[in-house]
N, C-alpha and C. Protein backbone atom coordinates (compact mmCIF):
# COMPACT_ATOMS: atom_id res chain seq x y z
N MET A 1 5.73 9.06 -31.65
CA MET A 1 5.56 7.75 -31.41
C MET A 1 6.77 7.07 -32.41
N PRO A 2 7.31 5.83 -31.77
CA PRO A 2 8.38 5.11 -32.52
C PRO A 2 7.44 4.03 -33.74
N LEU A 3 8.16 3.83 -34.89
CA LEU A 3 7.36 2.87 -35.90
C LEU A 3 8.33 1.95 -35.60
N LEU A 4 7.44 0.72 -35.88
CA LEU A 4 8.35 -0.82 -35.96
C LEU A 4 7.72 -1.34 -37.04
N PHE A 5 8.82 -1.65 -37.90
CA PHE A 5 8.34 -2.83 -39.06
C PHE A 5 8.67 -4.10 -38.59
N SER A 6 7.46 -4.96 -39.15
CA SER A 6 7.54 -6.07 -38.46
C SER A 6 7.53 -6.96 -40.26
N TYR A 7 7.92 -7.86 -40.33
CA TYR A 7 8.23 -8.72 -41.14
C TYR A 7 8.09 -10.38 -40.92
N GLY A 8 7.77 -10.25 -39.52
CA GLY A 8 7.82 -11.95 -38.86
C GLY A 8 6.35 -12.02 -37.77
N THR A 9 6.68 -12.38 -36.87
CA THR A 9 5.61 -12.92 -36.04
C THR A 9 5.23 -11.61 -35.38
N LEU A 10 5.70 -10.81 -35.35
CA LEU A 10 5.29 -9.64 -34.67
C LEU A 10 3.92 -8.81 -35.38
N GLN A 11 3.52 -9.43 -36.59
CA GLN A 11 2.51 -9.38 -37.46
C GLN A 11 0.97 -10.14 -36.82
N GLN A 12 1.39 -11.08 -36.35
CA GLN A 12 0.36 -11.81 -35.67
C GLN A 12 -0.28 -11.69 -34.54
N GLU A 13 -1.44 -11.66 -34.62
CA GLU A 13 -2.53 -11.42 -33.83
C GLU A 13 -2.07 -12.01 -32.16
N ASP A 14 -1.95 -13.28 -32.19
CA ASP A 14 -1.85 -13.82 -30.66
C ASP A 14 -0.36 -12.95 -30.37
N VAL A 15 0.42 -13.00 -30.83
CA VAL A 15 1.65 -12.49 -30.61
C VAL A 15 1.50 -10.87 -30.10
N GLN A 16 0.87 -10.22 -30.92
CA GLN A 16 0.62 -8.90 -30.30
C GLN A 16 0.23 -8.78 -29.11
N LEU A 17 -0.81 -9.72 -28.85
CA LEU A 17 -1.50 -9.61 -27.59
C LEU A 17 -0.90 -10.22 -26.83
N SER A 18 -0.05 -10.93 -26.81
CA SER A 18 0.37 -11.78 -25.57
C SER A 18 1.53 -10.55 -25.14
N THR A 19 2.64 -9.81 -26.13
CA THR A 19 3.47 -8.77 -26.19
C THR A 19 2.94 -7.61 -25.74
N PHE A 20 2.01 -7.06 -26.49
CA PHE A 20 1.54 -5.61 -26.14
C PHE A 20 0.48 -5.73 -25.30
N GLY A 21 -0.44 -6.86 -25.13
CA GLY A 21 -2.00 -6.35 -24.65
C GLY A 21 -2.58 -5.95 -25.33
N ARG A 22 -2.17 -5.91 -26.61
CA ARG A 22 -3.39 -5.20 -27.77
C ARG A 22 -3.09 -5.58 -28.94
N ARG A 23 -4.07 -5.61 -30.09
CA ARG A 23 -3.81 -5.49 -31.60
C ARG A 23 -3.29 -4.44 -31.99
N LEU A 24 -2.09 -4.62 -32.94
CA LEU A 24 -1.41 -3.10 -33.63
C LEU A 24 -2.27 -2.82 -34.73
N ASP A 25 -2.75 -1.98 -34.83
CA ASP A 25 -2.92 -1.35 -36.73
C ASP A 25 -1.70 -0.95 -37.34
N GLY A 26 -1.58 -1.04 -38.52
CA GLY A 26 -0.35 -1.05 -39.21
C GLY A 26 -0.73 -0.70 -40.72
N HIS A 27 0.18 -0.52 -41.46
CA HIS A 27 0.09 -0.52 -42.90
C HIS A 27 1.38 -1.07 -43.57
N PRO A 28 0.85 -2.20 -44.62
CA PRO A 28 2.10 -2.72 -45.37
C PRO A 28 3.30 -1.39 -46.20
N ASP A 29 4.32 -2.22 -45.90
CA ASP A 29 5.51 -1.14 -46.28
C ASP A 29 6.70 -2.49 -46.88
N GLU A 30 7.69 -1.62 -47.37
CA GLU A 30 8.85 -3.05 -47.68
C GLU A 30 10.09 -2.20 -46.84
N LEU A 31 11.05 -3.29 -47.11
CA LEU A 31 12.17 -2.61 -46.27
C LEU A 31 13.10 -3.21 -47.53
N PRO A 32 13.54 -1.93 -48.40
CA PRO A 32 14.49 -2.43 -49.99
C PRO A 32 15.73 -2.65 -48.95
N GLY A 33 16.67 -3.48 -50.19
CA GLY A 33 17.93 -3.82 -49.61
C GLY A 33 18.14 -4.54 -49.16
N PHE A 34 17.19 -5.46 -48.58
CA PHE A 34 17.24 -6.42 -47.55
C PHE A 34 16.94 -7.72 -48.60
N LYS A 35 17.28 -8.78 -47.58
CA LYS A 35 16.43 -10.48 -48.32
C LYS A 35 15.83 -11.11 -47.02
N LEU A 36 14.63 -11.95 -47.14
CA LEU A 36 14.55 -12.41 -46.15
C LEU A 36 15.23 -13.98 -46.14
N SER A 37 15.62 -14.28 -44.89
CA SER A 37 16.24 -15.14 -44.60
C SER A 37 15.81 -15.69 -43.39
N ARG A 38 16.64 -17.40 -42.80
CA ARG A 38 15.75 -17.83 -42.03
C ARG A 38 16.74 -18.16 -40.78
N VAL A 39 16.46 -18.37 -39.91
CA VAL A 39 17.47 -18.67 -38.56
C VAL A 39 16.83 -20.12 -37.63
N PRO A 40 17.49 -21.14 -37.77
CA PRO A 40 16.86 -22.24 -36.59
C PRO A 40 16.50 -21.66 -35.41
N ILE A 41 15.58 -22.00 -34.56
CA ILE A 41 14.94 -22.02 -33.47
C ILE A 41 15.92 -22.45 -32.37
N ALA A 42 16.73 -22.40 -31.64
CA ALA A 42 17.26 -23.11 -30.24
C ALA A 42 17.03 -23.59 -29.71
N ASP A 43 16.08 -22.63 -29.23
CA ASP A 43 15.05 -23.44 -27.96
C ASP A 43 14.24 -24.25 -28.11
N PRO A 44 14.40 -25.46 -27.88
CA PRO A 44 13.28 -26.38 -28.62
C PRO A 44 12.01 -26.27 -27.84
N ALA A 45 11.74 -25.73 -26.50
CA ALA A 45 10.49 -25.03 -26.19
C ALA A 45 10.01 -24.05 -27.32
N ALA A 46 10.74 -23.17 -27.51
CA ALA A 46 10.00 -22.23 -28.16
C ALA A 46 9.90 -22.65 -29.54
N ALA A 47 10.57 -23.60 -29.80
CA ALA A 47 10.18 -24.11 -31.30
C ALA A 47 8.73 -25.09 -31.22
N ARG A 48 8.34 -25.57 -30.20
CA ARG A 48 7.35 -26.44 -29.68
C ARG A 48 6.25 -25.28 -29.82
N ALA A 49 6.23 -24.36 -29.31
CA ALA A 49 5.33 -23.13 -28.90
C ALA A 49 4.70 -22.39 -29.96
N SER A 50 6.02 -22.33 -30.87
CA SER A 50 5.31 -21.55 -32.08
C SER A 50 4.91 -22.73 -33.01
N GLY A 51 5.12 -23.94 -33.19
CA GLY A 51 5.33 -24.71 -34.32
C GLY A 51 5.77 -24.30 -35.09
N ARG A 52 7.21 -23.82 -34.99
CA ARG A 52 8.18 -23.74 -36.10
C ARG A 52 9.54 -24.14 -35.74
N THR A 53 10.24 -24.47 -37.00
CA THR A 53 11.62 -24.77 -36.96
C THR A 53 12.46 -23.90 -36.95
N HIS A 54 12.18 -22.48 -37.47
CA HIS A 54 13.15 -21.56 -38.18
C HIS A 54 12.40 -20.11 -37.89
N HIS A 55 12.88 -18.59 -37.34
CA HIS A 55 12.78 -17.53 -37.03
C HIS A 55 12.65 -17.22 -38.35
N ASP A 56 11.88 -16.38 -39.04
CA ASP A 56 12.21 -15.19 -39.94
C ASP A 56 13.36 -14.28 -39.49
N ASN A 57 14.29 -13.79 -40.55
CA ASN A 57 15.28 -12.97 -40.47
C ASN A 57 15.44 -11.99 -41.41
N VAL A 58 16.22 -10.74 -41.51
CA VAL A 58 16.48 -10.05 -42.74
C VAL A 58 18.15 -9.96 -42.96
N THR A 59 18.51 -10.13 -43.99
CA THR A 59 19.80 -9.75 -44.26
C THR A 59 20.13 -8.63 -45.15
N VAL A 60 21.04 -7.97 -44.88
CA VAL A 60 21.22 -6.52 -45.60
C VAL A 60 22.18 -7.25 -47.09
N ASN A 61 21.71 -6.87 -48.08
CA ASN A 61 22.47 -7.38 -49.46
C ASN A 61 22.71 -6.38 -50.71
N GLY A 62 22.05 -5.11 -49.98
CA GLY A 62 22.25 -3.92 -50.69
C GLY A 62 21.56 -3.66 -52.35
N GLY A 63 20.92 -4.95 -52.49
CA GLY A 63 20.63 -4.62 -53.77
C GLY A 63 19.45 -4.01 -54.02
N GLY A 64 19.42 -3.28 -55.07
CA GLY A 64 18.37 -2.70 -55.62
C GLY A 64 17.07 -2.76 -55.55
N ASP A 65 16.79 -4.20 -55.89
CA ASP A 65 15.53 -4.61 -56.52
C ASP A 65 14.84 -6.04 -55.16
N SER A 66 16.06 -5.77 -54.14
CA SER A 66 15.86 -6.77 -52.82
C SER A 66 14.79 -5.85 -52.49
N ARG A 67 13.71 -6.53 -51.67
CA ARG A 67 13.05 -5.91 -50.78
C ARG A 67 11.91 -7.03 -49.58
N VAL A 68 11.98 -6.62 -48.97
CA VAL A 68 11.20 -7.60 -47.71
C VAL A 68 9.81 -6.94 -47.43
N SER A 69 8.81 -7.63 -47.57
CA SER A 69 7.26 -7.13 -47.13
C SER A 69 6.99 -7.56 -45.61
N GLY A 70 6.12 -6.53 -45.28
CA GLY A 70 5.99 -6.75 -43.93
C GLY A 70 4.76 -5.38 -43.47
N MET A 71 4.78 -5.12 -42.52
CA MET A 71 3.77 -4.21 -41.50
C MET A 71 4.55 -2.97 -41.09
N VAL A 72 4.04 -1.38 -40.93
CA VAL A 72 4.63 -0.77 -40.12
C VAL A 72 3.40 -0.70 -38.99
N PHE A 73 4.09 -0.63 -37.75
CA PHE A 73 3.13 -0.45 -36.39
C PHE A 73 3.49 1.03 -35.78
N GLU A 74 2.31 1.66 -35.35
CA GLU A 74 3.07 2.70 -34.52
C GLU A 74 2.86 2.25 -33.28
N VAL A 75 4.02 2.37 -32.40
CA VAL A 75 4.14 1.67 -30.89
C VAL A 75 3.80 3.05 -29.88
N SER A 76 4.15 2.84 -28.80
CA SER A 76 4.66 3.78 -27.30
C SER A 76 6.59 3.31 -27.14
N ASP A 77 6.91 4.38 -26.43
CA ASP A 77 8.27 4.04 -25.86
C ASP A 77 8.04 2.60 -25.20
N ASP A 78 7.06 2.36 -24.58
CA ASP A 78 7.10 1.32 -23.27
C ASP A 78 7.19 -0.34 -24.42
N GLU A 79 5.66 0.28 -25.45
CA GLU A 79 5.80 -0.98 -26.35
C GLU A 79 7.05 -1.52 -26.85
N LEU A 80 8.16 -0.42 -27.35
CA LEU A 80 9.27 -0.69 -28.17
C LEU A 80 10.15 -1.50 -27.22
N ALA A 81 10.25 -0.66 -26.04
CA ALA A 81 10.60 -2.11 -25.05
C ALA A 81 10.25 -3.47 -24.65
N LEU A 82 8.70 -3.34 -24.67
CA LEU A 82 8.05 -4.66 -24.55
C LEU A 82 8.62 -5.84 -25.88
N ALA A 83 8.64 -4.88 -27.23
CA ALA A 83 9.29 -5.80 -28.17
C ALA A 83 10.62 -6.33 -28.32
N ASP A 84 11.53 -5.08 -27.78
CA ASP A 84 12.84 -5.69 -27.26
C ASP A 84 13.24 -6.94 -26.37
N ARG A 85 12.45 -7.08 -25.50
CA ARG A 85 12.31 -8.24 -24.98
C ARG A 85 11.95 -9.03 -25.26
N TYR A 86 10.82 -9.27 -26.23
CA TYR A 86 10.02 -10.47 -26.94
C TYR A 86 11.38 -10.57 -27.98
N GLU A 87 11.91 -9.74 -28.19
CA GLU A 87 12.83 -10.35 -29.90
C GLU A 87 14.27 -10.61 -29.22
N ARG A 88 14.81 -10.23 -28.05
CA ARG A 88 15.99 -10.57 -27.66
C ARG A 88 16.09 -12.25 -27.23
N THR A 89 14.88 -12.44 -26.80
CA THR A 89 14.93 -13.79 -26.54
C THR A 89 15.42 -14.86 -27.43
N ALA A 90 15.38 -14.33 -28.94
CA ALA A 90 15.47 -14.83 -29.93
C ALA A 90 16.74 -14.20 -30.87
N SER A 91 17.87 -13.78 -29.98
CA SER A 91 19.13 -12.95 -30.11
C SER A 91 18.91 -11.84 -31.53
N TYR A 92 17.73 -11.30 -31.51
CA TYR A 92 17.30 -10.34 -32.65
C TYR A 92 17.82 -9.12 -31.61
N GLU A 93 18.29 -8.08 -32.40
CA GLU A 93 18.60 -6.61 -32.17
C GLU A 93 18.10 -5.59 -33.25
N ARG A 94 17.56 -4.40 -32.40
CA ARG A 94 17.07 -3.57 -33.14
C ARG A 94 17.61 -2.50 -33.92
N ILE A 95 17.69 -2.15 -35.33
CA ILE A 95 18.12 -1.42 -36.00
C ILE A 95 17.12 -0.42 -36.49
N GLU A 96 17.58 0.55 -37.12
CA GLU A 96 16.83 2.05 -37.64
C GLU A 96 17.29 1.93 -39.00
N ALA A 97 16.10 1.67 -40.15
CA ALA A 97 16.08 1.57 -41.48
C ALA A 97 15.17 2.47 -42.26
N THR A 98 15.57 2.68 -43.20
CA THR A 98 14.41 3.50 -43.98
C THR A 98 13.93 2.59 -45.17
N LEU A 99 12.33 2.68 -45.26
CA LEU A 99 11.71 2.12 -45.65
C LEU A 99 11.31 2.26 -47.10
N ALA A 100 10.38 1.61 -47.58
CA ALA A 100 10.32 1.74 -49.67
C ALA A 100 9.61 3.55 -49.32
N SER A 101 8.86 3.47 -48.29
CA SER A 101 7.90 4.77 -47.91
C SER A 101 8.79 5.72 -47.98
N GLY A 102 10.09 5.94 -47.61
CA GLY A 102 10.63 7.08 -47.15
C GLY A 102 10.67 7.14 -45.48
N THR A 103 9.64 6.33 -44.93
CA THR A 103 9.39 6.34 -43.58
C THR A 103 10.76 5.70 -42.59
N ARG A 104 11.20 6.35 -41.79
CA ARG A 104 12.25 5.49 -40.80
C ARG A 104 11.49 4.63 -39.52
N ALA A 105 11.79 3.62 -39.69
CA ALA A 105 11.47 2.77 -38.39
C ALA A 105 12.63 1.72 -37.90
N TRP A 106 11.93 1.41 -36.77
CA TRP A 106 12.77 0.22 -36.05
C TRP A 106 12.18 -1.02 -36.94
N VAL A 107 13.25 -1.83 -37.01
CA VAL A 107 13.30 -3.31 -37.60
C VAL A 107 14.40 -4.15 -36.57
N TYR A 108 13.95 -5.50 -36.53
CA TYR A 108 14.70 -6.47 -35.90
C TYR A 108 15.31 -7.25 -36.82
N ARG A 109 16.44 -7.44 -36.30
CA ARG A 109 17.36 -8.87 -36.99
C ARG A 109 18.30 -9.58 -36.24
N PHE A 110 18.14 -10.55 -37.00
CA PHE A 110 19.50 -11.45 -36.05
C PHE A 110 20.71 -11.53 -35.91
N VAL A 111 21.22 -11.54 -34.67
CA VAL A 111 22.60 -11.45 -34.47
C VAL A 111 23.56 -12.35 -33.77
N ALA A 112 24.13 -13.45 -34.51
CA ALA A 112 24.90 -14.44 -33.92
C ALA A 112 25.78 -13.76 -32.77
N ARG A 113 25.60 -14.84 -32.08
CA ARG A 113 26.45 -14.46 -30.53
C ARG A 113 27.51 -15.26 -30.12
N VAL A 114 28.39 -14.74 -29.95
CA VAL A 114 29.91 -15.74 -29.92
C VAL A 114 29.64 -16.09 -28.62
N GLY A 115 30.25 -17.26 -28.25
CA GLY A 115 30.62 -17.58 -26.57
C GLY A 115 29.58 -18.01 -26.06
């Protein structure tokens, strides 16, 4: 089963229930070589619904002491596709990364769209 690392809203129970129809069980881990950053929410309706003005994001910086904390969740292939749909609305893409534990997991990061 795929592993999914979340540092943002996919850790929230309400988001998990609306996205997957269940609460995910996970454990803490960290994403080394990345730093936490923020991306403005472009859709006013999404900003109102979330009560936030920015999305969390991760940026590769390669720093040995840089780490982003989060949770690792085991999801099905179908749930990973649901996570793709959820994250795509905010222009995020899925990449594979090695976590501090040595585990390989999927991670979402913002990608600026041109045009």
